[in-house]
Amino acid sequence: MCFRPPAATAQFVECPECGKKVNAVMGNIPNVCPFCEADLAAVIAEFNAASQAAETGAEAAPAAPVAPTAPGAPEAPKPPQP
């Protein structure tokens, strides 16, 4: 069974030179493309900026519901209507 979070399995960047997907190895994206030896520093910087923006831009959790109020005192019975 795989207990990794979905974000850890979907981390990759696309090489600007050869266009292949470069996967993260143990959570780290390599600085050099393993296929064409291109420098990936600029792509990694964009990836990190986008992931940080996604984390800070996440929606906040909804507020807790308001506690219920105590029931009111019962009223006196009303006289019968004629």
Protein backbone atom coordinates (compact mmCIF):
# COMPACT_ATOMS: atom_id res chain seq x y z
CA MET A 1 0.00 0.00 0.00
CA CYS A 2 1.17 3.49 -0.75
CA PHE A 3 0.58 6.03 2.01
CA ARG A 4 2.24 8.99 0.30
CA PRO A 5 0.11 12.13 -0.04
CA PRO A 6 -1.07 12.91 -3.60
CA ALA A 7 1.08 16.06 -3.76
CA ALA A 8 4.24 14.00 -3.30
CA THR A 9 3.42 11.69 -6.19
CA ALA A 10 2.56 14.49 -8.63
CA GLN A 11 5.80 16.52 -8.36
CA PHE A 12 7.57 16.93 -11.67
CA VAL A 13 8.86 19.69 -13.93
CA GLU A 14 9.07 19.73 -17.69
CA CYS A 15 12.51 20.22 -19.23
CA PRO A 16 12.61 23.35 -21.42
CA GLU A 17 15.15 21.71 -23.79
CA CYS A 18 13.84 18.21 -24.48
CA GLY A 19 10.26 18.59 -23.15
CA LYS A 20 10.39 15.44 -21.01
CA LYS A 21 8.98 15.28 -17.50
CA VAL A 22 11.63 15.20 -14.78
CA ASN A 23 10.27 13.59 -11.61
CA ALA A 24 11.29 14.49 -8.11
CA VAL A 25 13.66 12.04 -6.44
CA MET A 26 12.97 11.64 -2.71
CA GLY A 27 11.10 14.96 -2.75
CA ASN A 28 13.88 16.90 -4.54
CA ILE A 29 13.87 17.91 -8.19
CA PRO A 30 17.31 17.45 -9.81
CA ASN A 31 19.13 20.61 -10.93
CA VAL A 32 20.10 19.02 -14.26
CA CYS A 33 17.86 17.15 -16.71
CA PRO A 34 18.87 13.46 -16.68
CA PHE A 35 17.96 13.13 -20.38
CA CYS A 36 19.68 16.11 -22.06
CA GLU A 37 21.81 17.57 -19.22
CA ALA A 38 20.00 20.96 -19.46
CA ASP A 39 20.05 23.29 -16.44
CA LEU A 40 16.70 23.23 -14.62
CA ALA A 41 17.39 26.00 -12.05
CA ALA A 42 14.98 28.51 -13.65
CA VAL A 43 12.23 25.90 -14.00
CA ILE A 44 12.70 24.78 -10.38
CA ALA A 45 12.45 28.40 -9.17
CA GLU A 46 9.14 28.82 -11.05
CA PHE A 47 7.88 25.51 -9.65
CA ASN A 48 8.76 26.51 -6.07
CA ALA A 49 7.12 29.95 -6.48
CA ALA A 50 3.95 28.36 -7.86
CA SER A 51 3.77 25.77 -5.08
CA GLN A 52 4.25 28.43 -2.38
CA ALA A 53 1.55 30.59 -3.96
CA ALA A 54 -0.79 27.61 -3.99
CA GLU A 55 -0.14 26.95 -0.30
CA THR A 56 -0.71 30.56 0.79
CA GLY A 57 -3.72 31.03 -1.49
CA ALA A 58 -5.58 28.03 -0.14
CA GLU A 59 -9.07 28.64 1.10
CA ALA A 60 -9.45 29.02 4.84
CA ALA A 61 -11.46 26.51 6.79
CA PRO A 62 -15.06 27.53 7.41
CA ALA A 63 -15.84 29.14 10.73
CA ALA A 64 -17.25 27.04 13.53
CA PRO A 65 -21.02 27.10 13.85
CA VAL A 66 -22.61 29.29 16.51
CA ALA A 67 -23.46 27.52 19.76
CA PRO A 68 -27.19 26.93 20.25
CA THR A 69 -29.00 29.20 22.71
CA ALA A 70 -30.92 27.97 25.74
CA PRO A 71 -34.62 27.45 25.18
CA GLY A 72 -36.90 30.21 26.43
CA ALA A 73 -39.22 29.89 29.42
CA PRO A 74 -42.66 28.51 28.61
CA GLU A 75 -45.51 31.00 28.36
CA ALA A 76 -48.69 30.88 30.41
CA PRO A 77 -51.61 29.15 28.71
CA LYS A 78 -53.86 31.43 26.68
CA PRO A 79 -57.60 31.54 27.34
CA PRO A 80 -59.76 29.64 24.87
CA GLN A 81 -60.98 31.59 21.87
CA PRO A 82 -64.86 32.00 21.64
